[in-house]
N, C-alpha and C. Protein backbone atom coordinates (compact mmCIF):
# COMPACT_ATOMS: atom_id res chain seq x y z
N MET A 1 -62.27 73.47 32.19
CA MET A 1 -63.18 72.19 31.85
C MET A 1 -63.18 72.30 30.22
N SER A 2 -63.42 71.14 29.35
CA SER A 2 -63.60 70.94 27.89
C SER A 2 -64.98 71.55 27.84
N THR A 3 -65.34 72.03 26.31
CA THR A 3 -66.43 72.35 26.10
C THR A 3 -66.92 71.37 24.91
N LEU A 4 -67.99 70.85 24.93
CA LEU A 4 -68.62 70.01 23.50
C LEU A 4 -69.22 70.69 23.00
N VAL A 5 -69.77 71.34 21.52
CA VAL A 5 -70.17 71.85 20.77
C VAL A 5 -70.58 71.11 19.27
N ALA A 6 -72.01 71.33 19.24
CA ALA A 6 -72.57 70.19 17.85
C ALA A 6 -73.16 71.28 16.73
N VAL A 7 -72.42 71.31 15.91
CA VAL A 7 -72.96 72.16 15.01
C VAL A 7 -74.28 71.61 14.05
N GLU A 8 -75.46 72.02 14.01
CA GLU A 8 -76.20 71.43 12.91
C GLU A 8 -76.98 72.22 11.73
N GLY A 9 -77.46 71.60 11.19
CA GLY A 9 -77.95 72.44 9.75
C GLY A 9 -78.45 71.43 8.87
N LEU A 10 -79.06 72.06 7.80
CA LEU A 10 -79.47 71.18 6.54
C LEU A 10 -78.17 71.04 5.77
N ASP A 11 -78.63 69.51 4.74
CA ASP A 11 -77.44 69.16 3.99
C ASP A 11 -77.32 70.55 3.31
N GLY A 12 -75.96 71.05 3.37
CA GLY A 12 -75.50 72.03 2.45
C GLY A 12 -75.68 73.52 2.91
N ALA A 13 -75.56 73.43 4.25
CA ALA A 13 -75.90 74.38 4.93
C ALA A 13 -74.78 75.24 5.16
N GLY A 14 -73.42 74.46 5.09
CA GLY A 14 -72.21 75.16 5.57
C GLY A 14 -71.57 74.56 6.90
N LYS A 15 -72.09 73.76 7.55
CA LYS A 15 -71.48 73.27 8.49
C LYS A 15 -69.83 72.84 8.46
N ASN A 16 -69.48 72.29 7.68
CA ASN A 16 -68.27 71.77 7.74
C ASN A 16 -67.21 73.30 7.46
N THR A 17 -67.76 74.12 6.52
CA THR A 17 -67.10 75.32 6.63
C THR A 17 -67.05 76.57 7.57
N LEU A 18 -68.31 76.49 8.28
CA LEU A 18 -68.25 77.17 9.91
C LEU A 18 -67.34 76.33 10.72
N THR A 19 -67.17 74.93 11.00
CA THR A 19 -66.27 74.40 11.67
C THR A 19 -65.25 74.56 11.52
N ARG A 20 -64.70 74.61 10.33
CA ARG A 20 -63.31 75.06 10.15
C ARG A 20 -63.11 76.26 10.45
N ALA A 21 -63.76 77.02 9.94
CA ALA A 21 -63.32 78.57 10.48
C ALA A 21 -63.05 79.31 11.80
N VAL A 22 -64.41 78.47 12.82
CA VAL A 22 -64.35 78.32 13.95
C VAL A 22 -63.20 77.99 14.84
N THR A 23 -62.94 76.75 14.03
CA THR A 23 -61.51 75.86 14.62
C THR A 23 -60.37 77.04 14.53
N GLU A 24 -60.29 77.72 13.60
CA GLU A 24 -59.43 78.74 13.09
C GLU A 24 -59.10 79.50 14.15
N ARG A 25 -60.04 80.24 14.52
CA ARG A 25 -60.41 81.46 15.45
C ARG A 25 -60.09 81.11 16.73
N LEU A 26 -60.33 79.84 17.02
CA LEU A 26 -60.51 79.64 18.31
C LEU A 26 -58.90 79.07 18.80
N THR A 27 -58.60 78.29 17.70
CA THR A 27 -56.93 78.12 17.86
C THR A 27 -55.91 79.45 17.94
N GLY A 28 -56.40 80.42 16.92
CA GLY A 28 -55.69 81.80 17.36
C GLY A 28 -55.51 82.44 18.64
N ARG A 29 -56.97 81.79 19.27
CA ARG A 29 -57.09 82.59 20.76
C ARG A 29 -56.18 81.62 21.64
N GLY A 30 -55.68 80.61 21.24
CA GLY A 30 -54.75 79.63 22.16
C GLY A 30 -54.93 78.66 22.76
N LEU A 31 -56.63 78.04 22.09
CA LEU A 31 -57.39 77.14 22.51
C LEU A 31 -57.30 75.78 21.91
N THR A 32 -56.92 74.88 22.33
CA THR A 32 -56.79 73.49 21.60
C THR A 32 -58.21 72.96 21.24
N VAL A 33 -58.10 72.61 19.91
CA VAL A 33 -59.86 72.11 19.55
C VAL A 33 -59.70 70.77 18.30
N ALA A 34 -60.43 70.32 18.46
CA ALA A 34 -60.61 68.97 17.95
C ALA A 34 -62.22 68.64 17.09
N ALA A 35 -62.06 68.38 15.87
CA ALA A 35 -63.26 68.19 15.40
C ALA A 35 -63.52 67.08 15.06
N LEU A 36 -64.90 66.30 14.69
CA LEU A 36 -65.28 65.19 14.39
C LEU A 36 -66.55 65.26 13.58
N ALA A 37 -66.60 64.48 12.62
CA ALA A 37 -68.13 64.42 11.70
C ALA A 37 -68.95 63.45 12.04
N PHE A 38 -70.06 63.65 12.22
CA PHE A 38 -71.06 62.54 12.01
C PHE A 38 -71.75 62.74 10.82
N PRO A 39 -72.07 61.23 10.20
CA PRO A 39 -72.11 59.99 10.31
C PRO A 39 -70.38 59.98 9.91
N ARG A 40 -69.79 58.52 10.35
CA ARG A 40 -68.02 58.67 10.39
C ARG A 40 -68.28 57.54 9.02
N TYR A 41 -68.75 57.91 8.04
CA TYR A 41 -68.43 57.01 6.84
C TYR A 41 -67.19 56.27 6.61
N GLY A 42 -67.00 55.35 6.09
CA GLY A 42 -65.77 54.97 6.42
C GLY A 42 -65.10 54.29 7.61
N ARG A 43 -65.58 54.79 8.32
CA ARG A 43 -65.03 54.13 9.85
C ARG A 43 -66.24 53.62 10.30
N SER A 44 -67.28 53.75 10.30
CA SER A 44 -68.56 53.01 11.15
C SER A 44 -69.14 52.16 10.44
N VAL A 45 -69.56 50.82 10.47
CA VAL A 45 -69.93 49.75 9.84
C VAL A 45 -71.76 50.50 9.78
N HIS A 46 -72.38 50.82 10.60
CA HIS A 46 -73.50 51.36 10.86
C HIS A 46 -73.85 52.88 9.81
N ALA A 47 -72.55 53.79 10.10
CA ALA A 47 -72.76 54.57 9.09
C ALA A 47 -72.84 54.56 7.65
N ASP A 48 -71.94 53.55 7.18
CA ASP A 48 -71.75 52.68 6.01
C ASP A 48 -73.10 52.18 5.57
N LEU A 49 -74.11 51.28 6.36
CA LEU A 49 -74.71 50.69 6.14
C LEU A 49 -76.21 51.97 5.62
N ALA A 50 -76.51 52.93 6.41
CA ALA A 50 -77.07 53.88 6.38
C ALA A 50 -76.78 54.88 4.99
N ALA A 51 -75.70 55.08 4.90
CA ALA A 51 -75.21 55.50 3.62
C ALA A 51 -75.75 54.76 2.28
N GLU A 52 -75.37 53.15 2.38
CA GLU A 52 -75.59 52.66 1.34
C GLU A 52 -77.51 52.15 0.98
N ALA A 53 -78.07 52.30 2.41
CA ALA A 53 -79.60 52.47 2.37
C ALA A 53 -80.13 53.34 1.46
N LEU A 54 -79.80 54.84 1.98
CA LEU A 54 -79.73 56.27 1.32
C LEU A 54 -79.72 56.28 -0.12
N ARG A 55 -78.50 55.19 -0.69
CA ARG A 55 -78.61 55.61 -2.15
C ARG A 55 -79.23 53.97 -3.08
N GLY A 56 -79.90 53.50 -2.00
CA GLY A 56 -81.04 52.34 -2.99
C GLY A 56 -80.75 51.18 -2.42
N GLY A 57 -79.44 51.14 -1.73
CA GLY A 57 -79.29 49.40 -0.99
C GLY A 57 -80.23 49.14 -0.11
N HIS A 58 -79.97 47.84 0.59
CA HIS A 58 -80.70 47.07 1.45
C HIS A 58 -81.77 47.16 1.38
N GLY A 59 -82.26 46.99 0.34
CA GLY A 59 -83.84 46.70 -0.23
C GLY A 59 -84.90 47.99 0.43
N ASP A 60 -85.77 47.99 1.35
CA ASP A 60 -86.46 48.87 1.62
C ASP A 60 -86.22 49.35 3.48
N ALA A 61 -84.89 49.30 3.29
CA ALA A 61 -84.18 49.93 4.70
C ALA A 61 -84.86 51.17 4.82
N THR A 62 -84.77 52.03 4.29
CA THR A 62 -85.12 53.36 4.21
C THR A 62 -86.41 53.66 4.56
N ALA A 63 -87.37 52.90 4.84
CA ALA A 63 -88.66 53.02 5.03
C ALA A 63 -89.06 53.04 6.19
N SER A 64 -88.12 52.41 7.25
CA SER A 64 -88.07 52.30 8.39
C SER A 64 -87.43 54.10 9.03
N VAL A 65 -88.50 55.04 9.77
CA VAL A 65 -87.65 56.15 10.05
C VAL A 65 -87.33 55.93 11.27
N TYR A 66 -87.54 55.14 12.09
CA TYR A 66 -86.77 54.39 13.23
C TYR A 66 -85.30 53.69 13.16
N GLY A 67 -85.45 52.99 12.38
CA GLY A 67 -84.33 51.77 11.67
C GLY A 67 -83.24 52.78 11.14
N MET A 68 -83.56 53.41 10.57
CA MET A 68 -82.69 54.45 10.02
C MET A 68 -81.74 55.42 10.66
N GLY A 69 -82.82 55.58 11.60
CA GLY A 69 -82.06 56.56 13.02
C GLY A 69 -81.53 56.02 14.25
N LEU A 70 -81.74 54.51 14.14
CA LEU A 70 -80.68 53.50 15.04
C LEU A 70 -79.46 53.44 14.56
N LEU A 71 -79.23 53.15 13.57
CA LEU A 71 -78.20 53.04 12.53
C LEU A 71 -77.21 54.54 12.88
N PHE A 72 -78.08 55.47 12.62
CA PHE A 72 -77.08 56.91 12.96
C PHE A 72 -76.88 56.96 14.47
N ALA A 73 -77.61 56.51 15.17
CA ALA A 73 -77.27 56.35 16.98
C ALA A 73 -76.47 55.40 16.95
N LEU A 74 -76.21 54.05 16.38
CA LEU A 74 -75.22 53.24 16.74
C LEU A 74 -74.38 54.10 16.49
N ASP A 75 -73.82 54.69 15.35
CA ASP A 75 -72.39 55.25 15.01
C ASP A 75 -72.23 56.06 16.14
N ARG A 76 -73.20 56.76 16.60
CA ARG A 76 -72.71 57.82 17.59
C ARG A 76 -72.19 57.28 19.10
N ARG A 77 -73.28 55.96 19.18
CA ARG A 77 -72.58 55.31 20.42
C ARG A 77 -71.45 54.69 20.53
N ASP A 78 -71.05 54.38 19.31
CA ASP A 78 -69.62 53.63 19.20
C ASP A 78 -68.34 54.70 18.93
N ALA A 79 -69.05 55.98 18.94
CA ALA A 79 -67.76 57.18 18.80
C ALA A 79 -67.70 57.90 20.03
N ALA A 80 -68.61 57.41 21.46
CA ALA A 80 -68.58 58.06 22.63
C ALA A 80 -67.36 58.05 23.51
N GLY A 81 -66.62 56.55 23.10
CA GLY A 81 -65.39 57.03 23.86
C GLY A 81 -64.47 57.85 23.32
N GLU A 82 -64.46 58.15 22.11
CA GLU A 82 -63.56 58.75 21.37
C GLU A 82 -63.80 60.37 21.18
N ILE A 83 -65.13 60.31 21.30
CA ILE A 83 -65.43 61.64 22.16
C ILE A 83 -64.65 62.29 23.26
N ARG A 84 -64.96 61.20 24.33
CA ARG A 84 -64.54 61.74 25.30
C ARG A 84 -63.21 61.42 25.42
N ASP A 85 -62.33 60.71 24.95
CA ASP A 85 -61.31 61.21 24.68
C ASP A 85 -60.50 62.55 24.45
N LEU A 86 -61.51 62.91 22.89
CA LEU A 86 -60.90 64.33 22.81
C LEU A 86 -61.13 65.56 23.81
N LEU A 87 -62.22 64.94 24.36
CA LEU A 87 -62.47 66.08 25.90
C LEU A 87 -61.72 66.30 26.54
N ASP A 88 -60.89 65.37 26.88
CA ASP A 88 -59.89 65.21 27.62
C ASP A 88 -58.44 65.43 27.12
N ALA A 89 -58.56 65.54 26.00
CA ALA A 89 -57.28 65.99 25.48
C ALA A 89 -57.51 67.54 24.59
N HIS A 90 -58.52 68.08 24.97
CA HIS A 90 -58.43 69.84 24.20
C HIS A 90 -59.61 70.79 25.12
N ASP A 91 -59.24 71.67 24.49
CA ASP A 91 -60.44 72.82 25.51
C ASP A 91 -61.73 72.98 24.56
N VAL A 92 -61.89 72.54 23.36
CA VAL A 92 -63.10 72.68 22.86
C VAL A 92 -63.06 71.24 21.33
N VAL A 93 -63.98 70.57 21.95
CA VAL A 93 -64.31 69.69 20.62
C VAL A 93 -66.02 70.17 19.81
N LEU A 94 -65.36 69.98 18.96
CA LEU A 94 -66.45 70.50 17.56
C LEU A 94 -67.00 69.30 16.60
N LEU A 95 -68.49 69.05 16.61
CA LEU A 95 -69.10 67.98 16.15
C LEU A 95 -69.46 68.47 15.12
N ASP A 96 -69.41 67.97 13.78
CA ASP A 96 -70.44 68.50 12.66
C ASP A 96 -71.16 67.10 12.55
N ARG A 97 -72.69 67.53 12.92
CA ARG A 97 -73.58 66.88 13.32
C ARG A 97 -73.56 66.13 14.50
N TYR A 98 -74.95 65.96 15.39
CA TYR A 98 -74.86 65.05 16.20
C TYR A 98 -76.19 64.62 16.22
N ALA A 99 -76.45 64.20 17.83
CA ALA A 99 -77.95 63.53 17.93
C ALA A 99 -79.02 64.36 17.47
N ALA A 100 -79.06 65.62 17.46
CA ALA A 100 -80.12 66.57 16.78
C ALA A 100 -80.59 66.20 15.54
N SER A 101 -79.33 65.86 14.82
CA SER A 101 -79.36 65.47 13.34
C SER A 101 -80.64 64.49 13.38
N SER A 102 -80.62 63.63 14.04
CA SER A 102 -81.52 62.15 13.82
C SER A 102 -83.23 62.63 14.33
N ALA A 103 -83.01 63.87 15.49
CA ALA A 103 -84.40 64.21 16.04
C ALA A 103 -84.99 64.99 14.93
N ALA A 104 -84.14 65.88 13.95
CA ALA A 104 -84.88 66.71 13.36
C ALA A 104 -85.59 66.10 11.91
N TYR A 105 -84.33 64.88 11.30
CA TYR A 105 -84.55 64.57 10.37
C TYR A 105 -85.82 63.28 10.50
N SER A 106 -85.66 62.61 11.73
CA SER A 106 -86.74 61.53 11.81
C SER A 106 -88.15 62.14 11.91
N ALA A 107 -88.35 63.30 12.80
CA ALA A 107 -89.54 64.24 13.09
C ALA A 107 -89.80 64.43 11.65
N ALA A 108 -89.21 65.15 10.86
CA ALA A 108 -89.64 65.32 9.62
C ALA A 108 -90.08 64.45 8.48
N ARG A 109 -89.77 63.16 8.86
CA ARG A 109 -89.99 62.36 8.23
C ARG A 109 -91.13 61.74 8.14
N LEU A 110 -91.48 61.93 9.24
CA LEU A 110 -92.96 61.78 10.06
C LEU A 110 -93.96 62.68 10.09
N GLY A 111 -93.54 63.93 9.83
CA GLY A 111 -94.28 65.17 9.91
C GLY A 111 -94.86 65.67 11.32
N GLU A 112 -93.65 65.10 12.07
CA GLU A 112 -93.86 65.53 13.55
C GLU A 112 -92.75 67.23 13.96
N GLY A 113 -93.14 67.72 14.62
CA GLY A 113 -92.52 68.85 15.42
C GLY A 113 -91.60 68.57 16.19
N ALA A 114 -90.80 69.44 16.86
CA ALA A 114 -89.54 69.23 17.49
C ALA A 114 -90.19 68.34 18.90
N ASP A 115 -91.64 68.84 19.21
CA ASP A 115 -91.96 67.86 20.81
C ASP A 115 -92.85 66.94 20.03
N GLY A 116 -92.31 66.14 19.26
CA GLY A 116 -93.47 64.69 18.91
C GLY A 116 -92.25 63.76 19.74
N ALA A 117 -92.99 62.55 19.09
CA ALA A 117 -92.39 61.32 19.98
C ALA A 117 -91.27 60.98 19.17
N ALA A 118 -90.95 61.44 17.78
CA ALA A 118 -89.50 60.89 17.67
C ALA A 118 -88.36 61.66 18.22
N ALA A 119 -88.48 62.70 18.32
CA ALA A 119 -87.19 63.67 18.94
C ALA A 119 -87.12 63.04 20.37
N ALA A 120 -88.61 62.93 20.53
CA ALA A 120 -88.32 62.30 22.14
C ALA A 120 -87.35 60.95 22.31
N TRP A 121 -87.88 60.41 21.52
CA TRP A 121 -87.36 58.91 21.20
C TRP A 121 -85.27 58.77 20.80
N VAL A 122 -85.40 60.10 20.12
CA VAL A 122 -84.02 60.08 19.79
C VAL A 122 -83.13 60.72 20.93
N ARG A 123 -83.79 61.61 21.85
CA ARG A 123 -82.98 61.77 23.08
C ARG A 123 -83.08 61.16 24.42
N ASP A 124 -84.02 59.74 24.51
CA ASP A 124 -83.99 59.44 25.41
C ASP A 124 -83.00 57.84 24.78
N LEU A 125 -82.64 57.68 23.77
CA LEU A 125 -82.19 56.81 23.44
C LEU A 125 -80.74 57.18 23.14
N GLU A 126 -80.59 58.18 22.62
CA GLU A 126 -78.63 58.78 22.76
C GLU A 126 -78.44 59.35 23.98
N PHE A 127 -78.87 59.82 24.33
CA PHE A 127 -78.58 60.37 25.81
C PHE A 127 -78.80 59.80 27.51
N GLY A 128 -79.70 59.34 26.94
CA GLY A 128 -80.19 58.06 28.31
C GLY A 128 -79.66 56.72 28.12
N ARG A 129 -80.23 55.80 27.30
CA ARG A 129 -79.94 54.63 27.32
C ARG A 129 -78.39 54.49 26.87
N PHE A 130 -77.76 55.03 25.61
CA PHE A 130 -76.61 54.84 25.28
C PHE A 130 -75.57 55.85 26.10
N ALA A 131 -76.12 57.18 26.80
CA ALA A 131 -75.24 58.18 27.37
C ALA A 131 -73.98 58.67 26.99
N LEU A 132 -74.79 59.05 25.52
CA LEU A 132 -73.79 59.60 24.77
C LEU A 132 -73.29 61.29 25.57
N PRO A 133 -72.01 61.65 25.43
CA PRO A 133 -72.03 62.85 26.18
C PRO A 133 -72.70 64.17 25.89
N VAL A 134 -73.52 65.04 26.35
CA VAL A 134 -74.25 65.60 26.27
C VAL A 134 -73.43 67.28 25.92
N PRO A 135 -74.25 67.94 24.69
CA PRO A 135 -73.18 69.28 24.07
C PRO A 135 -73.39 70.03 25.12
N ASP A 136 -72.62 71.02 25.52
CA ASP A 136 -72.48 72.41 26.24
C ASP A 136 -73.44 73.23 25.36
N LEU A 137 -73.65 72.97 24.30
CA LEU A 137 -73.67 74.12 23.22
C LEU A 137 -74.06 73.58 21.86
N GLN A 138 -75.27 73.74 21.64
CA GLN A 138 -75.64 73.08 19.93
C GLN A 138 -76.08 74.20 19.12
N VAL A 139 -75.55 74.45 18.14
CA VAL A 139 -75.72 75.53 17.25
C VAL A 139 -76.60 75.13 16.02
N TYR A 140 -77.27 75.99 15.72
CA TYR A 140 -78.15 75.75 14.36
C TYR A 140 -78.07 76.72 13.26
N LEU A 141 -77.01 76.44 12.37
CA LEU A 141 -76.68 77.11 11.15
C LEU A 141 -78.18 77.11 10.17
N ASP A 142 -78.47 78.46 10.08
CA ASP A 142 -79.85 79.06 9.75
C ASP A 142 -79.72 79.09 8.38
N VAL A 143 -79.61 78.39 7.20
CA VAL A 143 -79.74 78.79 6.35
C VAL A 143 -80.85 78.72 5.35
N PRO A 144 -81.28 79.55 4.15
CA PRO A 144 -82.39 79.24 3.66
C PRO A 144 -82.53 77.81 2.81
N VAL A 145 -83.83 77.23 2.67
CA VAL A 145 -83.27 75.97 2.07
C VAL A 145 -83.02 76.09 0.67
N ALA A 146 -83.13 76.93 -0.06
CA ALA A 146 -82.97 77.10 -1.59
C ALA A 146 -81.21 77.14 -1.64
N LEU A 147 -80.85 77.83 -0.71
CA LEU A 147 -79.34 78.36 -0.80
C LEU A 147 -78.56 76.92 -0.36
N ALA A 148 -78.95 75.95 0.30
CA ALA A 148 -78.09 75.19 1.18
C ALA A 148 -78.62 73.72 -0.13
N ALA A 149 -79.88 73.72 -0.68
CA ALA A 149 -79.84 72.86 -1.95
C ALA A 149 -78.73 73.13 -3.02
N GLU A 150 -79.13 74.58 -3.73
CA GLU A 150 -77.85 74.58 -4.32
C GLU A 150 -75.91 74.53 -4.07
N ARG A 151 -76.17 74.66 -2.97
CA ARG A 151 -74.56 74.40 -2.22
C ARG A 151 -74.37 72.77 -2.34
N ALA A 152 -75.31 71.94 -2.34
CA ALA A 152 -75.53 70.42 -2.15
C ALA A 152 -75.52 70.31 -3.67
N ARG A 153 -76.04 70.53 -4.38
CA ARG A 153 -75.63 70.70 -6.01
C ARG A 153 -74.33 70.71 -6.59
N SER A 154 -74.15 72.09 -6.15
CA SER A 154 -72.66 72.27 -6.58
C SER A 154 -71.76 71.34 -6.14
N ARG A 155 -71.83 71.29 -4.96
CA ARG A 155 -70.57 70.06 -4.40
C ARG A 155 -70.90 68.71 -4.88
N GLU A 156 -72.13 68.43 -5.51
CA GLU A 156 -72.09 67.07 -6.03
C GLU A 156 -71.51 67.29 -7.42
N ALA A 157 -71.88 68.46 -8.21
CA ALA A 157 -71.33 68.56 -9.58
C ALA A 157 -69.69 68.70 -9.72
N GLY A 158 -69.34 69.10 -8.99
CA GLY A 158 -67.58 69.23 -8.41
C GLY A 158 -66.72 67.95 -7.95
N ASP A 159 -67.74 67.20 -7.58
CA ASP A 159 -66.97 65.93 -6.96
C ASP A 159 -68.39 64.77 -6.81
N ALA A 160 -67.46 63.71 -7.84
CA ALA A 160 -68.56 62.80 -7.93
C ALA A 160 -68.92 61.93 -6.70
N SER A 161 -67.77 62.24 -5.86
CA SER A 161 -67.90 61.30 -4.67
C SER A 161 -68.92 62.10 -3.45
N ARG A 162 -69.31 63.17 -3.86
CA ARG A 162 -70.40 63.83 -3.37
C ARG A 162 -71.85 63.65 -3.41
N ALA A 163 -72.08 62.84 -4.51
CA ALA A 163 -73.25 62.59 -4.64
C ALA A 163 -74.55 63.03 -3.81
N ARG A 164 -75.46 63.58 -4.22
CA ARG A 164 -76.49 63.87 -3.03
C ARG A 164 -77.31 62.31 -2.37
N ASP A 165 -77.78 62.04 -1.57
CA ASP A 165 -78.72 60.77 -1.20
C ASP A 165 -80.13 61.59 -1.52
N ALA A 166 -80.93 60.58 -0.74
CA ALA A 166 -82.41 60.31 -0.99
C ALA A 166 -82.68 61.56 -0.21
N TYR A 167 -82.14 61.58 1.00
CA TYR A 167 -82.65 62.87 1.97
C TYR A 167 -82.18 64.20 1.28
N GLU A 168 -81.25 64.48 0.64
CA GLU A 168 -80.53 65.39 0.24
C GLU A 168 -81.04 66.06 -1.03
N ARG A 169 -82.05 64.97 -2.15
CA ARG A 169 -82.65 65.31 -2.91
C ARG A 169 -83.93 65.59 -2.82
N ASP A 170 -84.67 65.56 -1.59
CA ASP A 170 -86.01 65.70 -1.35
C ASP A 170 -86.23 67.18 -0.56
N ALA A 171 -86.69 68.05 -1.55
CA ALA A 171 -86.46 69.15 -0.93
C ALA A 171 -87.79 69.57 0.01
N GLY A 172 -88.77 68.66 -0.22
CA GLY A 172 -89.65 69.02 0.71
C GLY A 172 -89.01 68.56 2.39
N LEU A 173 -88.66 67.40 2.26
CA LEU A 173 -87.96 66.88 3.38
C LEU A 173 -87.05 67.89 3.66
N GLN A 174 -86.41 68.47 3.46
CA GLN A 174 -85.09 69.62 3.75
C GLN A 174 -85.95 70.69 4.42
N THR A 175 -87.28 70.99 3.79
CA THR A 175 -87.98 72.38 4.05
C THR A 175 -88.46 71.80 5.51
N ARG A 176 -89.06 70.88 5.89
CA ARG A 176 -89.77 70.49 7.03
C ARG A 176 -88.49 69.97 8.09
N THR A 177 -87.44 69.47 7.88
CA THR A 177 -86.49 69.41 8.73
C THR A 177 -85.58 70.62 9.30
N GLY A 178 -85.60 71.53 8.34
CA GLY A 178 -85.25 73.38 8.66
C GLY A 178 -86.38 73.64 9.72
N ALA A 179 -87.81 73.58 9.47
CA ALA A 179 -88.65 73.68 10.77
C ALA A 179 -88.46 73.15 12.15
N VAL A 180 -88.24 72.03 11.65
CA VAL A 180 -87.65 71.19 13.17
C VAL A 180 -86.62 71.44 13.72
N TYR A 181 -85.73 72.08 13.06
CA TYR A 181 -84.12 72.25 13.65
C TYR A 181 -84.76 73.61 14.15
N ALA A 182 -85.21 74.66 13.71
CA ALA A 182 -85.75 75.96 14.51
C ALA A 182 -86.51 75.39 15.56
N GLY A 183 -87.57 74.45 15.61
CA GLY A 183 -87.99 73.96 17.22
C GLY A 183 -87.49 73.66 18.36
N LEU A 184 -86.36 73.13 17.58
CA LEU A 184 -85.39 72.18 18.30
C LEU A 184 -84.37 73.47 19.38
N ALA A 185 -84.44 74.07 18.59
CA ALA A 185 -83.42 75.41 19.03
C ALA A 185 -84.17 76.10 19.89
N ALA A 186 -85.46 76.70 19.89
CA ALA A 186 -86.34 77.40 20.32
C ALA A 186 -86.88 76.76 21.92
N ALA A 187 -86.96 75.15 22.00
CA ALA A 187 -86.93 74.49 22.80
C ALA A 187 -85.77 74.17 23.70
N GLU A 188 -84.50 74.49 23.17
CA GLU A 188 -83.38 74.23 23.48
C GLU A 188 -83.60 72.47 24.26
N TRP A 189 -83.98 72.06 23.13
CA TRP A 189 -83.54 70.30 23.04
C TRP A 189 -82.47 69.97 23.63
N VAL A 190 -82.37 69.24 24.97
CA VAL A 190 -81.40 68.67 25.34
C VAL A 190 -80.38 69.38 25.98
N SER A 191 -80.02 70.38 25.50
CA SER A 191 -79.08 71.76 26.28
C SER A 191 -79.24 72.86 25.24
N PRO A 192 -78.60 74.15 25.82
CA PRO A 192 -78.68 75.21 25.00
C PRO A 192 -78.35 75.51 24.08
N TRP A 193 -78.89 76.37 22.75
CA TRP A 193 -78.65 76.25 21.86
C TRP A 193 -78.53 77.58 21.16
N ARG A 194 -77.95 77.69 20.21
CA ARG A 194 -77.63 79.12 19.31
C ARG A 194 -77.90 79.04 17.85
N VAL A 195 -78.27 80.05 17.32
CA VAL A 195 -78.98 79.99 16.14
C VAL A 195 -77.93 81.13 15.24
N HIS A 196 -77.30 80.71 14.31
CA HIS A 196 -76.23 81.01 13.50
C HIS A 196 -76.83 81.52 12.08
N ALA A 197 -77.00 82.58 11.66
CA ALA A 197 -77.25 83.01 10.62
C ALA A 197 -76.32 82.91 9.53
N ALA A 198 -77.24 82.71 8.15
CA ALA A 198 -76.27 82.46 6.87
C ALA A 198 -75.18 83.54 6.84
N ASP A 199 -75.65 84.97 7.37
CA ASP A 199 -74.60 85.87 6.77
C ASP A 199 -73.98 86.31 8.29
N GLU A 200 -73.85 85.79 9.34
CA GLU A 200 -73.09 86.12 10.46
C GLU A 200 -71.84 85.77 10.53
N ALA A 201 -70.84 86.42 10.71
CA ALA A 201 -69.35 86.09 10.77
C ALA A 201 -69.09 84.84 11.91
N PRO A 202 -68.23 83.94 11.24
CA PRO A 202 -67.90 82.85 12.21
C PRO A 202 -67.23 83.40 13.68
N GLY A 203 -66.74 84.63 13.55
CA GLY A 203 -65.88 84.99 14.72
C GLY A 203 -67.29 85.21 16.33
N THR A 204 -68.28 85.20 15.68
CA THR A 204 -69.36 85.70 16.44
C THR A 204 -69.48 84.37 17.30
N LEU A 205 -69.73 83.14 16.51
CA LEU A 205 -69.83 82.01 17.14
C LEU A 205 -68.33 81.44 18.01
N ALA A 206 -67.51 82.19 17.30
CA ALA A 206 -66.37 81.76 18.01
C ALA A 206 -66.15 82.42 19.80
N ASP A 207 -66.69 83.55 19.34
CA ASP A 207 -66.47 84.17 20.38
C ASP A 207 -67.39 83.44 21.60
N ALA A 208 -68.54 82.93 21.04
CA ALA A 208 -69.35 82.44 22.34
C ALA A 208 -68.82 81.17 22.78
N VAL A 209 -68.17 80.36 21.90
CA VAL A 209 -67.51 78.75 22.37
C VAL A 209 -66.24 79.20 22.97
N ALA A 210 -65.63 80.46 22.60
CA ALA A 210 -64.52 80.55 23.77
C ALA A 210 -64.82 81.23 25.28
N ASP A 211 -66.19 81.89 25.27
CA ASP A 211 -66.33 82.51 26.45
C ASP A 211 -66.87 81.08 27.27
N LEU A 212 -67.75 80.26 26.65
CA LEU A 212 -68.04 79.05 26.78
C LEU A 212 -66.50 78.01 28.02
N ALA A 213 -65.73 78.27 26.98
CA ALA A 213 -64.92 77.10 27.44
C ALA A 213 -63.66 78.31 28.20
N SER A 214 -63.94 79.32 28.59
CA SER A 214 -63.06 80.26 29.58
C SER A 214 -64.11 80.10 31.04
N ALA A 215 -65.45 79.75 30.82
CA ALA A 215 -66.06 80.20 32.02
C ALA A 215 -66.02 79.02 33.43
């Protein structure tokens, strides 16, 4: 049976780096692995509209927490078939961000916790109404806010196309989002979670995923 794993964390936490490292280790163990990153910028009109709004476009679109959450949710809904196809063809599918990102950022913007209305709305919309595939495991990459912010700034300085958006530039929002993520992980929101520390080797996560895939 295939295994769906979502890797979550702050902007600059190193999700893409961790996903690549885990993919390499799992492949080395003989498992077939596919990866997909959200939002699907350049592939999804909903993701692109959200990105444009976060960089000042579309008037006051970003003022609506639920409106922004809906754009990201529609991006994931449109990818549901692709996710299922990847699961049919591979042992493991790794997602760089998934629905928990909207739960964490939406709740943080509203000053709510993991048990608040925003996180419940995301869960009910995406896994209820939209019937998105439920992850077998969600991973919170627990990186200090200051370190994540420094990585995001360095990334921006080295690549003009990686300019930080309004969420990434808001240090207070990033701090609150990290707290919500920790709450989601503790509550095992939607499905089981694993907290992966910044200094923890990728191999430990790869081993846990491999165990799930072979169960």
